[in-house]
Amino acid sequence: MSYASAEWAFVVADPTMNVMMVMMMLRLMTMMLVATAAAIVVLKVVGRVVVIRQGAVVVMMMAVVVAEVVMAAMAAVELPPYS
């Protein structure tokens, strides 16, 4: 607990660091959510259509592209650091 509170105090002391860490955490969380959703979709596709393996590969590629687009959008909408 003490380590976490000390680290938190350090983060709060530096507003720019605070914003960057929050954005990084949000980005990681969205990445994990997108990856989970993509994995579920791929599993469903593979489960229903086992014969067409290329289709699953295409779905995986699309999921990767979507994840990249989400990352790029979040990077573009990043909050400016406090002055």
PDB file of N, CA and C in Angstrom:
ATOM      1  N   MET A   1       0.833  -1.205   0.000  1.00  0.00           N
ATOM      2  CA  MET A   1       0.000   0.000   0.000  1.00  0.00           C
ATOM      3  C   MET A   1       0.870   1.259   0.000  1.00  0.00           C
ATOM      4  N   SER A   2       1.880   1.253   0.871  1.00  0.00           N
ATOM      5  CA  SER A   2       2.716   2.448   0.990  1.00  0.00           C
ATOM      6  C   SER A   2       3.420   2.739  -0.335  1.00  0.00           C
ATOM      7  N   TYR A   3       3.887   1.667  -0.996  1.00  0.00           N
ATOM      8  CA  TYR A   3       4.564   1.854  -2.280  1.00  0.00           C
ATOM      9  C   TYR A   3       3.607   2.471  -3.297  1.00  0.00           C
ATOM     10  N   ALA A   4       2.379   1.942  -3.330  1.00  0.00           N
ATOM     11  CA  ALA A   4       1.395   2.440  -4.294  1.00  0.00           C
ATOM     12  C   ALA A   4       1.059   3.900  -4.002  1.00  0.00           C
ATOM     13  N   SER A   5       0.843   4.230  -2.723  1.00  0.00           N
ATOM     14  CA  SER A   5       0.479   5.605  -2.381  1.00  0.00           C
ATOM     15  C   SER A   5       1.634   6.558  -2.692  1.00  0.00           C
ATOM     16  N   ALA A   6       2.867   6.113  -2.418  1.00  0.00           N
ATOM     17  CA  ALA A   6       4.030   6.953  -2.709  1.00  0.00           C
ATOM     18  C   ALA A   6       4.129   7.190  -4.216  1.00  0.00           C
ATOM     19  N   GLU A   7       3.923   6.125  -4.991  1.00  0.00           N
ATOM     20  CA  GLU A   7       3.988   6.249  -6.445  1.00  0.00           C
ATOM     21  C   GLU A   7       2.874   7.180  -6.923  1.00  0.00           C
ATOM     22  N   TRP A   8       1.678   7.023  -6.367  1.00  0.00           N
ATOM     23  CA  TRP A   8       0.540   7.858  -6.756  1.00  0.00           C
ATOM     24  C   TRP A   8       0.833   9.326  -6.459  1.00  0.00           C
ATOM     25  N   ALA A   9       1.424   9.593  -5.268  1.00  0.00           N
ATOM     26  CA  ALA A   9       1.758  10.967  -4.894  1.00  0.00           C
ATOM     27  C   ALA A   9       2.743  11.551  -5.905  1.00  0.00           C
ATOM     28  N   PHE A  10       3.715  10.739  -6.316  1.00  0.00           N
ATOM     29  CA  PHE A  10       4.697  11.198  -7.302  1.00  0.00           C
ATOM     30  C   PHE A  10       4.006  11.521  -8.622  1.00  0.00           C
ATOM     31  N   VAL A  11       3.072  10.657  -9.014  1.00  0.00           N
ATOM     32  CA  VAL A  11       2.362  10.879 -10.280  1.00  0.00           C
ATOM     33  C   VAL A  11       1.535  12.159 -10.204  1.00  0.00           C
ATOM     34  N   VAL A  12       0.836  12.358  -9.085  1.00  0.00           N
ATOM     35  CA  VAL A  12      -0.007  13.546  -8.938  1.00  0.00           C
ATOM     36  C   VAL A  12       0.857  14.808  -8.920  1.00  0.00           C
ATOM     37  N   ALA A  13       2.071  14.689  -8.353  1.00  0.00           N
ATOM     38  CA  ALA A  13       2.953  15.854  -8.260  1.00  0.00           C
ATOM     39  C   ALA A  13       3.347  16.355  -9.647  1.00  0.00           C
ATOM     40  N   ASP A  14       3.353  15.461 -10.639  1.00  0.00           N
ATOM     41  CA  ASP A  14       3.738  15.853 -11.996  1.00  0.00           C
ATOM     42  C   ASP A  14       2.515  15.717 -12.908  1.00  0.00           C
ATOM     43  N   PRO A  15       1.807  16.822 -13.191  1.00  0.00           N
ATOM     44  CA  PRO A  15       0.563  16.744 -13.973  1.00  0.00           C
ATOM     45  C   PRO A  15       0.761  16.140 -15.358  1.00  0.00           C
ATOM     46  N   THR A  16       1.862  16.494 -16.021  1.00  0.00           N
ATOM     47  CA  THR A  16       2.108  15.965 -17.365  1.00  0.00           C
ATOM     48  C   THR A  16       2.239  14.450 -17.314  1.00  0.00           C
ATOM     49  N   MET A  17       3.007  13.965 -16.339  1.00  0.00           N
ATOM     50  CA  MET A  17       3.181  12.529 -16.164  1.00  0.00           C
ATOM     51  C   MET A  17       1.830  11.884 -15.886  1.00  0.00           C
ATOM     52  N   ASN A  18       1.007  12.564 -15.081  1.00  0.00           N
ATOM     53  CA  ASN A  18      -0.310  12.049 -14.730  1.00  0.00           C
ATOM     54  C   ASN A  18      -1.143  11.825 -15.992  1.00  0.00           C
ATOM     55  N   VAL A  19      -1.218  12.841 -16.848  1.00  0.00           N
ATOM     56  CA  VAL A  19      -2.009  12.737 -18.082  1.00  0.00           C
ATOM     57  C   VAL A  19      -1.477  11.611 -18.958  1.00  0.00           C
ATOM     58  N   MET A  20      -0.155  11.556 -19.104  1.00  0.00           N
ATOM     59  CA  MET A  20       0.442  10.527 -19.960  1.00  0.00           C
ATOM     60  C   MET A  20       0.132   9.131 -19.433  1.00  0.00           C
ATOM     61  N   MET A  21       0.227   8.959 -18.115  1.00  0.00           N
ATOM     62  CA  MET A  21      -0.029   7.638 -17.530  1.00  0.00           C
ATOM     63  C   MET A  21      -1.490   7.250 -17.704  1.00  0.00           C
ATOM     64  N   VAL A  22      -2.394   8.216 -17.496  1.00  0.00           N
ATOM     65  CA  VAL A  22      -3.821   7.930 -17.662  1.00  0.00           C
ATOM     66  C   VAL A  22      -4.110   7.528 -19.103  1.00  0.00           C
ATOM     67  N   MET A  23      -3.551   8.276 -20.061  1.00  0.00           N
ATOM     68  CA  MET A  23      -3.772   7.959 -21.469  1.00  0.00           C
ATOM     69  C   MET A  23      -3.201   6.590 -21.807  1.00  0.00           C
ATOM     70  N   MET A  24      -2.017   6.272 -21.267  1.00  0.00           N
ATOM     71  CA  MET A  24      -1.412   4.964 -21.524  1.00  0.00           C
ATOM     72  C   MET A  24      -2.287   3.854 -20.968  1.00  0.00           C
ATOM     73  N   MET A  25      -2.825   4.063 -19.752  1.00  0.00           N
ATOM     74  CA  MET A  25      -3.685   3.048 -19.143  1.00  0.00           C
ATOM     75  C   MET A  25      -4.950   2.864 -19.972  1.00  0.00           C
ATOM     76  N   LEU A  26      -5.543   3.985 -20.411  1.00  0.00           N
ATOM     77  CA  LEU A  26      -6.748   3.904 -21.239  1.00  0.00           C
ATOM     78  C   LEU A  26      -6.444   3.157 -22.533  1.00  0.00           C
ATOM     79  N   ARG A  27      -5.281   3.473 -23.125  1.00  0.00           N
ATOM     80  CA  ARG A  27      -4.908   2.832 -24.381  1.00  0.00           C
ATOM     81  C   ARG A  27      -4.730   1.328 -24.179  1.00  0.00           C
ATOM     82  N   LEU A  28      -4.057   0.964 -23.089  1.00  0.00           N
ATOM     83  CA  LEU A  28      -3.849  -0.457 -22.805  1.00  0.00           C
ATOM     84  C   LEU A  28      -5.186  -1.156 -22.588  1.00  0.00           C
ATOM     85  N   MET A  29      -6.092  -0.506 -21.846  1.00  0.00           N
ATOM     86  CA  MET A  29      -7.390  -1.122 -21.576  1.00  0.00           C
ATOM     87  C   MET A  29      -8.169  -1.313 -22.873  1.00  0.00           C
ATOM     88  N   THR A  30      -8.182  -0.299 -23.742  1.00  0.00           N
ATOM     89  CA  THR A  30      -8.911  -0.427 -25.007  1.00  0.00           C
ATOM     90  C   THR A  30      -8.270  -1.509 -25.872  1.00  0.00           C
ATOM     91  N   MET A  31      -6.930  -1.567 -25.854  1.00  0.00           N
ATOM     92  CA  MET A  31      -6.239  -2.610 -26.615  1.00  0.00           C
ATOM     93  C   MET A  31      -6.665  -3.984 -26.136  1.00  0.00           C
ATOM     94  N   MET A  32      -6.728  -4.168 -24.814  1.00  0.00           N
ATOM     95  CA  MET A  32      -7.109  -5.462 -24.255  1.00  0.00           C
ATOM     96  C   MET A  32      -8.549  -5.792 -24.623  1.00  0.00           C
ATOM     97  N   LEU A  33      -9.430  -4.785 -24.549  1.00  0.00           N
ATOM     98  CA  LEU A  33     -10.833  -5.009 -24.902  1.00  0.00           C
ATOM     99  C   LEU A  33     -10.956  -5.395 -26.369  1.00  0.00           C
ATOM    100  N   VAL A  34     -10.268  -4.656 -27.239  1.00  0.00           N
ATOM    101  CA  VAL A  34     -10.310  -4.952 -28.678  1.00  0.00           C
ATOM    102  C   VAL A  34      -9.755  -6.338 -28.947  1.00  0.00           C
ATOM    103  N   ALA A  35      -8.639  -6.670 -28.286  1.00  0.00           N
ATOM    104  CA  ALA A  35      -8.027  -7.984 -28.488  1.00  0.00           C
ATOM    105  C   ALA A  35      -8.976  -9.091 -28.033  1.00  0.00           C
ATOM    106  N   THR A  36      -9.646  -8.876 -26.893  1.00  0.00           N
ATOM    107  CA  THR A  36     -10.592  -9.881 -26.391  1.00  0.00           C
ATOM    108  C   THR A  36     -11.749 -10.056 -27.366  1.00  0.00           C
ATOM    109  N   ALA A  37     -12.311  -8.936 -27.830  1.00  0.00           N
ATOM    110  CA  ALA A  37     -13.428  -9.004 -28.772  1.00  0.00           C
ATOM    111  C   ALA A  37     -13.001  -9.706 -30.054  1.00  0.00           C
ATOM    112  N   ALA A  38     -11.806  -9.360 -30.543  1.00  0.00           N
ATOM    113  CA  ALA A  38     -11.300  -9.976 -31.768  1.00  0.00           C
ATOM    114  C   ALA A  38     -11.119 -11.477 -31.567  1.00  0.00           C
ATOM    115  N   ALA A  39     -10.587 -11.867 -30.403  1.00  0.00           N
ATOM    116  CA  ALA A  39     -10.384 -13.292 -30.125  1.00  0.00           C
ATOM    117  C   ALA A  39     -11.719 -14.022 -30.097  1.00  0.00           C
ATOM    118  N   ILE A  40     -12.742 -13.409 -29.485  1.00  0.00           N
ATOM    119  CA  ILE A  40     -14.073 -14.031 -29.431  1.00  0.00           C
ATOM    120  C   ILE A  40     -14.628 -14.199 -30.841  1.00  0.00           C
ATOM    121  N   VAL A  41     -14.507 -13.148 -31.656  1.00  0.00           N
ATOM    122  CA  VAL A  41     -15.010 -13.215 -33.037  1.00  0.00           C
ATOM    123  C   VAL A  41     -14.298 -14.319 -33.802  1.00  0.00           C
ATOM    124  N   VAL A  42     -12.960 -14.361 -33.676  1.00  0.00           N
ATOM    125  CA  VAL A  42     -12.185 -15.380 -34.387  1.00  0.00           C
ATOM    126  C   VAL A  42     -12.603 -16.769 -33.938  1.00  0.00           C
ATOM    127  N   LEU A  43     -12.776 -16.950 -32.617  1.00  0.00           N
ATOM    128  CA  LEU A  43     -13.176 -18.262 -32.102  1.00  0.00           C
ATOM    129  C   LEU A  43     -14.541 -18.657 -32.653  1.00  0.00           C
ATOM    130  N   LYS A  44     -15.473 -17.700 -32.712  1.00  0.00           N
ATOM    131  CA  LYS A  44     -16.803 -17.995 -33.243  1.00  0.00           C
ATOM    132  C   LYS A  44     -16.707 -18.390 -34.711  1.00  0.00           C
ATOM    133  N   VAL A  45     -15.937 -17.621 -35.485  1.00  0.00           N
ATOM    134  CA  VAL A  45     -15.794 -17.913 -36.916  1.00  0.00           C
ATOM    135  C   VAL A  45     -15.164 -19.284 -37.105  1.00  0.00           C
ATOM    136  N   VAL A  46     -14.083 -19.553 -36.353  1.00  0.00           N
ATOM    137  CA  VAL A  46     -13.396 -20.843 -36.489  1.00  0.00           C
ATOM    138  C   VAL A  46     -14.323 -21.970 -36.066  1.00  0.00           C
ATOM    139  N   GLY A  47     -15.129 -21.733 -35.022  1.00  0.00           N
ATOM    140  CA  GLY A  47     -16.040 -22.767 -34.543  1.00  0.00           C
ATOM    141  C   GLY A  47     -17.117 -23.087 -35.568  1.00  0.00           C
ATOM    142  N   ARG A  48     -17.641 -22.054 -36.237  1.00  0.00           N
ATOM    143  CA  ARG A  48     -18.729 -22.277 -37.187  1.00  0.00           C
ATOM    144  C   ARG A  48     -18.197 -22.775 -38.527  1.00  0.00           C
ATOM    145  N   VAL A  49     -17.105 -22.171 -38.984  1.00  0.00           N
ATOM    146  CA  VAL A  49     -16.574 -22.531 -40.300  1.00  0.00           C
ATOM    147  C   VAL A  49     -15.151 -23.051 -40.124  1.00  0.00           C
ATOM    148  N   VAL A  50     -15.038 -24.337 -39.812  1.00  0.00           N
ATOM    149  CA  VAL A  50     -13.719 -24.928 -39.590  1.00  0.00           C
ATOM    150  C   VAL A  50     -13.023 -25.166 -40.927  1.00  0.00           C
ATOM    151  N   VAL A  51     -13.824 -25.406 -41.979  1.00  0.00           N
ATOM    152  CA  VAL A  51     -13.247 -25.747 -43.278  1.00  0.00           C
ATOM    153  C   VAL A  51     -12.498 -24.551 -43.855  1.00  0.00           C
ATOM    154  N   ILE A  52     -13.126 -23.369 -43.780  1.00  0.00           N
ATOM    155  CA  ILE A  52     -12.524 -22.182 -44.384  1.00  0.00           C
ATOM    156  C   ILE A  52     -11.568 -21.552 -43.374  1.00  0.00           C
ATOM    157  N   ARG A  53     -10.301 -21.950 -43.433  1.00  0.00           N
ATOM    158  CA  ARG A  53      -9.325 -21.413 -42.489  1.00  0.00           C
ATOM    159  C   ARG A  53      -8.853 -20.029 -42.934  1.00  0.00           C
ATOM    160  N   GLN A  54      -8.839 -19.783 -44.237  1.00  0.00           N
ATOM    161  CA  GLN A  54      -8.408 -18.480 -44.746  1.00  0.00           C
ATOM    162  C   GLN A  54      -9.363 -17.386 -44.263  1.00  0.00           C
ATOM    163  N   GLY A  55     -10.634 -17.719 -44.117  1.00  0.00           N
ATOM    164  CA  GLY A  55     -11.606 -16.748 -43.618  1.00  0.00           C
ATOM    165  C   GLY A  55     -11.236 -16.287 -42.218  1.00  0.00           C
ATOM    166  N   ALA A  56     -10.828 -17.244 -41.370  1.00  0.00           N
ATOM    167  CA  ALA A  56     -10.423 -16.902 -40.004  1.00  0.00           C
ATOM    168  C   ALA A  56      -9.190 -16.010 -40.038  1.00  0.00           C
ATOM    169  N   VAL A  57      -8.263 -16.323 -40.943  1.00  0.00           N
ATOM    170  CA  VAL A  57      -7.055 -15.501 -41.067  1.00  0.00           C
ATOM    171  C   VAL A  57      -7.436 -14.077 -41.462  1.00  0.00           C
ATOM    172  N   VAL A  58      -8.374 -13.951 -42.408  1.00  0.00           N
ATOM    173  CA  VAL A  58      -8.825 -12.628 -42.842  1.00  0.00           C
ATOM    174  C   VAL A  58      -9.449 -11.875 -41.672  1.00  0.00           C
ATOM    175  N   VAL A  59     -10.272 -12.575 -40.875  1.00  0.00           N
ATOM    176  CA  VAL A  59     -10.906 -11.941 -39.713  1.00  0.00           C
ATOM    177  C   VAL A  59      -9.842 -11.465 -38.739  1.00  0.00           C
ATOM    178  N   MET A  60      -8.809 -12.281 -38.520  1.00  0.00           N
ATOM    179  CA  MET A  60      -7.735 -11.892 -37.606  1.00  0.00           C
ATOM    180  C   MET A  60      -7.019 -10.651 -38.135  1.00  0.00           C
ATOM    181  N   MET A  61      -6.757 -10.632 -39.455  1.00  0.00           N
ATOM    182  CA  MET A  61      -6.088  -9.477 -40.048  1.00  0.00           C
ATOM    183  C   MET A  61      -6.949  -8.221 -39.871  1.00  0.00           C
ATOM    184  N   MET A  62      -8.267  -8.367 -40.096  1.00  0.00           N
ATOM    185  CA  MET A  62      -9.177  -7.237 -39.929  1.00  0.00           C
ATOM    186  C   MET A  62      -9.151  -6.743 -38.487  1.00  0.00           C
ATOM    187  N   ALA A  63      -9.124  -7.693 -37.525  1.00  0.00           N
ATOM    188  CA  ALA A  63      -9.087  -7.321 -36.105  1.00  0.00           C
ATOM    189  C   ALA A  63      -7.818  -6.533 -35.802  1.00  0.00           C
ATOM    190  N   VAL A  64      -6.697  -6.974 -36.372  1.00  0.00           N
ATOM    191  CA  VAL A  64      -5.429  -6.264 -36.166  1.00  0.00           C
ATOM    192  C   VAL A  64      -5.530  -4.851 -36.735  1.00  0.00           C
ATOM    193  N   VAL A  65      -6.107  -4.732 -37.934  1.00  0.00           N
ATOM    194  CA  VAL A  65      -6.260  -3.413 -38.563  1.00  0.00           C
ATOM    195  C   VAL A  65      -7.139  -2.513 -37.700  1.00  0.00           C
ATOM    196  N   VAL A  66      -8.247  -3.057 -37.195  1.00  0.00           N
ATOM    197  CA  VAL A  66      -9.151  -2.280 -36.336  1.00  0.00           C
ATOM    198  C   VAL A  66      -8.411  -1.813 -35.095  1.00  0.00           C
ATOM    199  N   ALA A  67      -7.616  -2.711 -34.486  1.00  0.00           N
ATOM    200  CA  ALA A  67      -6.857  -2.347 -33.289  1.00  0.00           C
ATOM    201  C   ALA A  67      -5.889  -1.210 -33.605  1.00  0.00           C
ATOM    202  N   GLU A  68      -5.231  -1.302 -34.760  1.00  0.00           N
ATOM    203  CA  GLU A  68      -4.289  -0.251 -35.157  1.00  0.00           C
ATOM    204  C   GLU A  68      -5.018   1.084 -35.329  1.00  0.00           C
ATOM    205  N   VAL A  69      -6.188   1.054 -35.968  1.00  0.00           N
ATOM    206  CA  VAL A  69      -6.961   2.285 -36.182  1.00  0.00           C
ATOM    207  C   VAL A  69      -7.357   2.894 -34.842  1.00  0.00           C
ATOM    208  N   VAL A  70      -7.804   2.042 -33.904  1.00  0.00           N
ATOM    209  CA  VAL A  70      -8.195   2.534 -32.576  1.00  0.00           C
ATOM    210  C   VAL A  70      -7.003   3.189 -31.895  1.00  0.00           C
ATOM    211  N   MET A  71      -5.830   2.541 -31.983  1.00  0.00           N
ATOM    212  CA  MET A  71      -4.628   3.091 -31.355  1.00  0.00           C
ATOM    213  C   MET A  71      -4.293   4.451 -31.974  1.00  0.00           C
ATOM    214  N   ALA A  72      -4.345   4.530 -33.312  1.00  0.00           N
ATOM    215  CA  ALA A  72      -4.008   5.782 -33.991  1.00  0.00           C
ATOM    216  C   ALA A  72      -4.981   6.887 -33.590  1.00  0.00           C
ATOM    217  N   ALA A  73      -6.267   6.551 -33.510  1.00  0.00           N
ATOM    218  CA  ALA A  73      -7.277   7.543 -33.131  1.00  0.00           C
ATOM    219  C   ALA A  73      -7.024   8.044 -31.715  1.00  0.00           C
ATOM    220  N   MET A  74      -6.721   7.136 -30.785  1.00  0.00           N
ATOM    221  CA  MET A  74      -6.483   7.536 -29.399  1.00  0.00           C
ATOM    222  C   MET A  74      -5.228   8.399 -29.314  1.00  0.00           C
ATOM    223  N   ALA A  75      -4.211   8.072 -30.110  1.00  0.00           N
ATOM    224  CA  ALA A  75      -2.983   8.870 -30.099  1.00  0.00           C
ATOM    225  C   ALA A  75      -3.269  10.275 -30.634  1.00  0.00           C
ATOM    226  N   ALA A  76      -4.166  10.376 -31.627  1.00  0.00           N
ATOM    227  CA  ALA A  76      -4.482  11.672 -32.229  1.00  0.00           C
ATOM    228  C   ALA A  76      -5.312  12.530 -31.277  1.00  0.00           C
ATOM    229  N   VAL A  77      -6.156  11.892 -30.463  1.00  0.00           N
ATOM    230  CA  VAL A  77      -7.067  12.628 -29.578  1.00  0.00           C
ATOM    231  C   VAL A  77      -6.425  12.872 -28.216  1.00  0.00           C
ATOM    232  N   GLU A  78      -5.136  12.536 -28.089  1.00  0.00           N
ATOM    233  CA  GLU A  78      -4.447  12.649 -26.799  1.00  0.00           C
ATOM    234  C   GLU A  78      -4.586  14.057 -26.221  1.00  0.00           C
ATOM    235  N   LEU A  79      -4.765  14.121 -24.909  1.00  0.00           N
ATOM    236  CA  LEU A  79      -4.911  15.415 -24.236  1.00  0.00           C
ATOM    237  C   LEU A  79      -3.581  16.148 -24.221  1.00  0.00           C
ATOM    238  N   PRO A  80      -3.598  17.457 -24.453  1.00  0.00           N
ATOM    239  CA  PRO A  80      -2.348  18.226 -24.373  1.00  0.00           C
ATOM    240  C   PRO A  80      -1.886  18.316 -22.922  1.00  0.00           C
ATOM    241  N   PRO A  81      -0.589  18.285 -22.658  1.00  0.00           N
ATOM    242  CA  PRO A  81      -0.094  18.365 -21.277  1.00  0.00           C
ATOM    243  C   PRO A  81      -0.401  19.717 -20.652  1.00  0.00           C
ATOM    244  N   TYR A  82      -0.571  19.696 -19.346  1.00  0.00           N
ATOM    245  CA  TYR A  82      -0.859  20.948 -18.632  1.00  0.00           C
ATOM    246  C   TYR A  82       0.303  21.917 -18.776  1.00  0.00           C
ATOM    247  N   SER A  83      -0.022  23.211 -18.900  1.00  0.00           N
ATOM    248  CA  SER A  83       1.041  24.206 -19.045  1.00  0.00           C
ATOM    249  C   SER A  83       1.613  24.543 -17.669  1.00  0.00           C
TER     250      SER A  83
END
